[in-house]
Amino acid sequence: MKTSVFLEKLQEELEEDETLTPETNLKSLESYDSISLLTIIAFVDENFSKKIETKHFKDIETVSDLMNVIGIENFEA
């Protein structure tokens, strides 16, 4: 998946007004909460067929961290 498409879809899923970049700190987003975690887990499973356990989220601060957990090989420039 193109990184730009991923960022747009993630922004849509989180219903976030702020444009997301790989450097965006997820925890600083106004809409980020426990429901967001579930949304992200479902989004990743749906788009990448990869399950992220909730315990991994303690290490995920930025969108880039999330991309690394998904697997950077799944993204194109």
C-alpha atoms as a PDB file:
ATOM      1  CA  MET A   1       0.000   0.000   0.000  1.00  0.00           C
ATOM      2  CA  LYS A   2       1.260   3.448  -0.795  1.00  0.00           C
ATOM      3  CA  THR A   3       2.228   5.351   2.335  1.00  0.00           C
ATOM      4  CA  SER A   4       0.070   8.319   1.276  1.00  0.00           C
ATOM      5  CA  VAL A   5      -2.991   6.059   0.864  1.00  0.00           C
ATOM      6  CA  PHE A   6      -2.317   4.459   4.252  1.00  0.00           C
ATOM      7  CA  LEU A   7      -2.106   7.871   5.921  1.00  0.00           C
ATOM      8  CA  GLU A   8      -5.349   9.033   4.292  1.00  0.00           C
ATOM      9  CA  LYS A   9      -7.212   5.848   5.242  1.00  0.00           C
ATOM     10  CA  LEU A  10      -5.890   5.944   8.808  1.00  0.00           C
ATOM     11  CA  GLN A  11      -6.926   9.587   9.144  1.00  0.00           C
ATOM     12  CA  GLU A  12     -10.395   8.654   7.869  1.00  0.00           C
ATOM     13  CA  GLU A  13     -10.683   5.675  10.237  1.00  0.00           C
ATOM     14  CA  LEU A  14      -9.705   7.791  13.234  1.00  0.00           C
ATOM     15  CA  GLU A  15     -12.059  10.573  12.074  1.00  0.00           C
ATOM     16  CA  GLU A  16      -9.171  12.948  12.580  1.00  0.00           C
ATOM     17  CA  ASP A  17      -9.184  16.487  11.121  1.00  0.00           C
ATOM     18  CA  GLU A  18      -5.414  16.846  11.380  1.00  0.00           C
ATOM     19  CA  THR A  19      -3.472  15.537   8.356  1.00  0.00           C
ATOM     20  CA  LEU A  20      -1.412  12.562   9.457  1.00  0.00           C
ATOM     21  CA  THR A  21       2.265  12.102   8.629  1.00  0.00           C
ATOM     22  CA  PRO A  22       4.665   9.330   9.668  1.00  0.00           C
ATOM     23  CA  GLU A  23       5.921  11.709  12.377  1.00  0.00           C
ATOM     24  CA  THR A  24       2.433  12.309  13.845  1.00  0.00           C
ATOM     25  CA  ASN A  25       2.304  11.325  17.507  1.00  0.00           C
ATOM     26  CA  LEU A  26      -0.851   9.248  17.812  1.00  0.00           C
ATOM     27  CA  LYS A  27      -1.186   9.864  21.539  1.00  0.00           C
ATOM     28  CA  SER A  28      -1.286  13.619  20.960  1.00  0.00           C
ATOM     29  CA  LEU A  29      -4.307  13.402  18.658  1.00  0.00           C
ATOM     30  CA  GLU A  30      -7.466  14.804  20.182  1.00  0.00           C
ATOM     31  CA  SER A  31      -9.520  11.823  19.041  1.00  0.00           C
ATOM     32  CA  TYR A  32      -7.048   9.167  20.262  1.00  0.00           C
ATOM     33  CA  ASP A  33      -8.528   6.918  22.946  1.00  0.00           C
ATOM     34  CA  SER A  34      -9.227   3.249  23.667  1.00  0.00           C
ATOM     35  CA  ILE A  35     -11.779   3.127  20.846  1.00  0.00           C
ATOM     36  CA  SER A  36      -9.051   4.391  18.508  1.00  0.00           C
ATOM     37  CA  LEU A  37      -6.878   1.422  19.476  1.00  0.00           C
ATOM     38  CA  LEU A  38      -9.641  -0.979  18.480  1.00  0.00           C
ATOM     39  CA  THR A  39     -10.210   0.959  15.260  1.00  0.00           C
ATOM     40  CA  ILE A  40      -6.508   0.740  14.380  1.00  0.00           C
ATOM     41  CA  ILE A  41      -6.383  -2.987  15.205  1.00  0.00           C
ATOM     42  CA  ALA A  42      -9.381  -3.650  12.933  1.00  0.00           C
ATOM     43  CA  PHE A  43      -7.993  -1.370  10.197  1.00  0.00           C
ATOM     44  CA  VAL A  44      -4.612  -3.149  10.169  1.00  0.00           C
ATOM     45  CA  ASP A  45      -6.241  -6.588  10.205  1.00  0.00           C
ATOM     46  CA  GLU A  46      -8.566  -5.626   7.344  1.00  0.00           C
ATOM     47  CA  ASN A  47      -5.914  -4.007   5.143  1.00  0.00           C
ATOM     48  CA  PHE A  48      -2.814  -6.053   5.945  1.00  0.00           C
ATOM     49  CA  SER A  49      -4.190  -9.340   7.350  1.00  0.00           C
ATOM     50  CA  LYS A  50      -1.999  -8.751  10.388  1.00  0.00           C
ATOM     51  CA  LYS A  51      -3.099  -8.919  13.995  1.00  0.00           C
ATOM     52  CA  ILE A  52      -1.643  -6.373  16.400  1.00  0.00           C
ATOM     53  CA  GLU A  53      -1.998  -7.229  20.062  1.00  0.00           C
ATOM     54  CA  THR A  54      -2.983  -4.404  22.368  1.00  0.00           C
ATOM     55  CA  LYS A  55       0.225  -4.883  24.397  1.00  0.00           C
ATOM     56  CA  HIS A  56       2.202  -3.644  21.361  1.00  0.00           C
ATOM     57  CA  PHE A  57       0.543  -0.239  21.621  1.00  0.00           C
ATOM     58  CA  LYS A  58       2.648   0.757  24.607  1.00  0.00           C
ATOM     59  CA  ASP A  59       5.587   0.900  22.162  1.00  0.00           C
ATOM     60  CA  ILE A  60       3.654   2.694  19.404  1.00  0.00           C
ATOM     61  CA  GLU A  61       3.805   6.460  19.701  1.00  0.00           C
ATOM     62  CA  THR A  62       3.984   7.703  16.112  1.00  0.00           C
ATOM     63  CA  VAL A  63       2.392   6.653  12.838  1.00  0.00           C
ATOM     64  CA  SER A  64       5.884   5.531  11.790  1.00  0.00           C
ATOM     65  CA  ASP A  65       6.029   3.183  14.821  1.00  0.00           C
ATOM     66  CA  LEU A  66       2.702   1.707  13.711  1.00  0.00           C
ATOM     67  CA  MET A  67       4.042   1.243  10.180  1.00  0.00           C
ATOM     68  CA  ASN A  68       7.085  -0.575  11.573  1.00  0.00           C
ATOM     69  CA  VAL A  69       4.852  -2.929  13.585  1.00  0.00           C
ATOM     70  CA  ILE A  70       2.767  -3.637  10.473  1.00  0.00           C
ATOM     71  CA  GLY A  71       5.978  -4.225   8.523  1.00  0.00           C
ATOM     72  CA  ILE A  72       7.665  -1.506   6.522  1.00  0.00           C
ATOM     73  CA  GLU A  73       7.854  -3.929   3.551  1.00  0.00           C
ATOM     74  CA  ASN A  74       4.069  -3.478   3.180  1.00  0.00           C
ATOM     75  CA  PHE A  75       4.484   0.176   2.158  1.00  0.00           C
ATOM     76  CA  GLU A  76       5.550   1.917  -1.041  1.00  0.00           C
ATOM     77  CA  ALA A  77       6.787   5.485  -1.300  1.00  0.00           C
END
